[in-house]
Amino acid sequence: MSILTLLLKFGTAALTSRVAEKAVEQLATVITARRSEPPSNLDLDETLQAQIASLRETIRQQDQRISMLDSAIAGLGHALRPLILRSAVTFWTALASAIIALVALFIAIRS
């Protein structure tokens, strides 16, 4: 899996999480507004039930998206672990090489 693919997945996950967060905030606002309004007749009650069913479906869809985000972020974490290990090994190897080169230079100058 290339780093570009991982970055694309991470960007998609971040964008989707922002969209889901805004949708949940809007959903909470709608639910609060609906609860504060008393139903005036049976027609309104049926409309309210339809809206509640629609909101439940929206919540189910958002839950599915959040589950997909969770799995994408977990996959990103699993994919980044070997890269972090390789980077650490490369860094310490380069640092050791620089120290050995300085020691060799010091010995060459003293000789």
C-alpha atoms as a PDB file:
ATOM      1  CA  MET A   1       0.000   0.000   0.000  1.00  0.00           C
ATOM      2  CA  SER A   2       1.619   3.244  -1.073  1.00  0.00           C
ATOM      3  CA  ILE A   3       1.911   6.329   1.102  1.00  0.00           C
ATOM      4  CA  LEU A   4      -0.306   8.259  -1.340  1.00  0.00           C
ATOM      5  CA  THR A   5      -3.091   5.728  -0.891  1.00  0.00           C
ATOM      6  CA  LEU A   6      -2.724   5.936   2.872  1.00  0.00           C
ATOM      7  CA  LEU A   7      -2.823   9.733   2.814  1.00  0.00           C
ATOM      8  CA  LEU A   8      -5.880   9.640   0.553  1.00  0.00           C
ATOM      9  CA  LYS A   9      -7.655   7.268   2.939  1.00  0.00           C
ATOM     10  CA  PHE A  10      -6.731   9.425   5.914  1.00  0.00           C
ATOM     11  CA  GLY A  11      -7.988  12.575   4.139  1.00  0.00           C
ATOM     12  CA  THR A  12     -11.225  10.844   3.206  1.00  0.00           C
ATOM     13  CA  ALA A  13     -11.670   9.675   6.783  1.00  0.00           C
ATOM     14  CA  ALA A  14     -11.071  13.181   8.152  1.00  0.00           C
ATOM     15  CA  LEU A  15     -13.519  14.737   5.684  1.00  0.00           C
ATOM     16  CA  THR A  16     -16.172  12.116   6.345  1.00  0.00           C
ATOM     17  CA  SER A  17     -15.817  12.560  10.096  1.00  0.00           C
ATOM     18  CA  ARG A  18     -16.404  16.313   9.739  1.00  0.00           C
ATOM     19  CA  VAL A  19     -19.485  15.689   7.607  1.00  0.00           C
ATOM     20  CA  ALA A  20     -20.783  13.143  10.115  1.00  0.00           C
ATOM     21  CA  GLU A  21     -20.179  15.564  12.986  1.00  0.00           C
ATOM     22  CA  LYS A  22     -22.151  18.331  11.246  1.00  0.00           C
ATOM     23  CA  ALA A  23     -24.965  15.907  10.417  1.00  0.00           C
ATOM     24  CA  VAL A  24     -25.204  14.774  14.036  1.00  0.00           C
ATOM     25  CA  GLU A  25     -25.290  18.399  15.234  1.00  0.00           C
ATOM     26  CA  GLN A  26     -28.060  19.219  12.762  1.00  0.00           C
ATOM     27  CA  LEU A  27     -29.925  16.077  13.762  1.00  0.00           C
ATOM     28  CA  ALA A  28     -29.735  17.061  17.433  1.00  0.00           C
ATOM     29  CA  THR A  29     -31.082  20.528  16.577  1.00  0.00           C
ATOM     30  CA  VAL A  30     -33.998  19.047  14.622  1.00  0.00           C
ATOM     31  CA  ILE A  31     -34.845  16.577  17.385  1.00  0.00           C
ATOM     32  CA  THR A  32     -34.751  19.330  20.014  1.00  0.00           C
ATOM     33  CA  ALA A  33     -36.993  21.543  17.879  1.00  0.00           C
ATOM     34  CA  ARG A  34     -39.455  18.715  17.267  1.00  0.00           C
ATOM     35  CA  ARG A  35     -39.679  17.813  20.935  1.00  0.00           C
ATOM     36  CA  SER A  36     -40.421  21.384  21.960  1.00  0.00           C
ATOM     37  CA  GLU A  37     -43.335  21.715  19.499  1.00  0.00           C
ATOM     38  CA  PRO A  38     -46.590  20.108  20.730  1.00  0.00           C
ATOM     39  CA  PRO A  39     -48.534  18.235  18.024  1.00  0.00           C
ATOM     40  CA  SER A  40     -51.791  19.984  17.152  1.00  0.00           C
ATOM     41  CA  ASN A  41     -53.646  17.205  15.314  1.00  0.00           C
ATOM     42  CA  LEU A  42     -53.373  13.641  13.996  1.00  0.00           C
ATOM     43  CA  ASP A  43     -52.063  14.740  10.603  1.00  0.00           C
ATOM     44  CA  LEU A  44     -49.132  16.417  12.302  1.00  0.00           C
ATOM     45  CA  ASP A  45     -48.557  13.287  14.374  1.00  0.00           C
ATOM     46  CA  GLU A  46     -48.253  11.149  11.226  1.00  0.00           C
ATOM     47  CA  THR A  47     -45.856  13.679   9.715  1.00  0.00           C
ATOM     48  CA  LEU A  48     -43.829  13.649  12.899  1.00  0.00           C
ATOM     49  CA  GLN A  49     -43.679   9.846  12.873  1.00  0.00           C
ATOM     50  CA  ALA A  50     -42.453   9.925   9.269  1.00  0.00           C
ATOM     51  CA  GLN A  51     -39.790  12.467  10.198  1.00  0.00           C
ATOM     52  CA  ILE A  52     -38.718  10.362  13.176  1.00  0.00           C
ATOM     53  CA  ALA A  53     -38.405   7.329  10.910  1.00  0.00           C
ATOM     54  CA  SER A  54     -36.366   9.407   8.471  1.00  0.00           C
ATOM     55  CA  LEU A  55     -34.103  10.631  11.282  1.00  0.00           C
ATOM     56  CA  ARG A  56     -33.620   7.074  12.527  1.00  0.00           C
ATOM     57  CA  GLU A  57     -32.563   6.042   9.023  1.00  0.00           C
ATOM     58  CA  THR A  58     -30.149   8.989   8.906  1.00  0.00           C
ATOM     59  CA  ILE A  59     -28.689   7.956  12.258  1.00  0.00           C
ATOM     60  CA  ARG A  60     -28.272   4.381  11.003  1.00  0.00           C
ATOM     61  CA  GLN A  61     -26.474   5.633   7.883  1.00  0.00           C
ATOM     62  CA  GLN A  62     -24.200   7.871   9.965  1.00  0.00           C
ATOM     63  CA  ASP A  63     -23.437   4.928  12.244  1.00  0.00           C
ATOM     64  CA  GLN A  64     -22.404   2.879   9.215  1.00  0.00           C
ATOM     65  CA  ARG A  65     -20.167   5.716   7.985  1.00  0.00           C
ATOM     66  CA  ILE A  66     -18.563   6.063  11.396  1.00  0.00           C
ATOM     67  CA  SER A  67     -17.926   2.305  11.424  1.00  0.00           C
ATOM     68  CA  MET A  68     -16.261   2.603   8.013  1.00  0.00           C
ATOM     69  CA  LEU A  69     -14.138   5.492   9.344  1.00  0.00           C
ATOM     70  CA  ASP A  70     -13.119   3.397  12.316  1.00  0.00           C
ATOM     71  CA  SER A  71     -11.980   0.547  10.099  1.00  0.00           C
ATOM     72  CA  ALA A  72     -10.177   2.967   7.726  1.00  0.00           C
ATOM     73  CA  ILE A  73      -8.296   4.603  10.603  1.00  0.00           C
ATOM     74  CA  ALA A  74      -7.422   1.198  12.065  1.00  0.00           C
ATOM     75  CA  GLY A  75      -6.127   0.112   8.646  1.00  0.00           C
ATOM     76  CA  LEU A  76      -4.099   3.303   8.384  1.00  0.00           C
ATOM     77  CA  GLY A  77      -2.556   2.617  11.778  1.00  0.00           C
ATOM     78  CA  HIS A  78      -1.649  -0.934  10.777  1.00  0.00           C
ATOM     79  CA  ALA A  79      -0.154   0.286   7.492  1.00  0.00           C
ATOM     80  CA  LEU A  80       1.930   3.027   9.147  1.00  0.00           C
ATOM     81  CA  ARG A  81       3.564   0.802  11.770  1.00  0.00           C
ATOM     82  CA  PRO A  82       6.146  -0.759   9.393  1.00  0.00           C
ATOM     83  CA  LEU A  83       6.912   2.656   7.883  1.00  0.00           C
ATOM     84  CA  ILE A  84       7.600   4.133  11.310  1.00  0.00           C
ATOM     85  CA  LEU A  85       9.884   1.199  12.159  1.00  0.00           C
ATOM     86  CA  ARG A  86      11.798   1.592   8.880  1.00  0.00           C
ATOM     87  CA  SER A  87      12.148   5.334   9.446  1.00  0.00           C
ATOM     88  CA  ALA A  88      13.511   4.788  12.951  1.00  0.00           C
ATOM     89  CA  VAL A  89      16.035   2.213  11.737  1.00  0.00           C
ATOM     90  CA  THR A  90      17.124   4.524   8.908  1.00  0.00           C
ATOM     91  CA  PHE A  91      17.517   7.474  11.281  1.00  0.00           C
ATOM     92  CA  TRP A  92      19.628   5.594  13.821  1.00  0.00           C
ATOM     93  CA  THR A  93      21.746   4.009  11.067  1.00  0.00           C
ATOM     94  CA  ALA A  94      22.412   7.450   9.565  1.00  0.00           C
ATOM     95  CA  LEU A  95      23.290   8.851  12.987  1.00  0.00           C
ATOM     96  CA  ALA A  96      25.700   5.977  13.639  1.00  0.00           C
ATOM     97  CA  SER A  97      27.280   6.509  10.209  1.00  0.00           C
ATOM     98  CA  ALA A  98      27.792  10.210  10.941  1.00  0.00           C
ATOM     99  CA  ILE A  99      29.443   9.424  14.293  1.00  0.00           C
ATOM    100  CA  ILE A 100      31.738   6.816  12.702  1.00  0.00           C
ATOM    101  CA  ALA A 101      32.671   9.306   9.958  1.00  0.00           C
ATOM    102  CA  LEU A 102      33.526  11.968  12.565  1.00  0.00           C
ATOM    103  CA  VAL A 103      35.640   9.500  14.542  1.00  0.00           C
ATOM    104  CA  ALA A 104      37.440   8.433  11.338  1.00  0.00           C
ATOM    105  CA  LEU A 105      38.048  12.090  10.422  1.00  0.00           C
ATOM    106  CA  PHE A 106      39.398  12.817  13.903  1.00  0.00           C
ATOM    107  CA  ILE A 107      41.748   9.803  13.703  1.00  0.00           C
ATOM    108  CA  ALA A 108      42.904  10.799  10.215  1.00  0.00           C
ATOM    109  CA  ILE A 109      43.663  14.358  11.347  1.00  0.00           C
ATOM    110  CA  ARG A 110      45.590  13.157  14.447  1.00  0.00           C
ATOM    111  CA  SER A 111      47.711  10.708  12.459  1.00  0.00           C
END
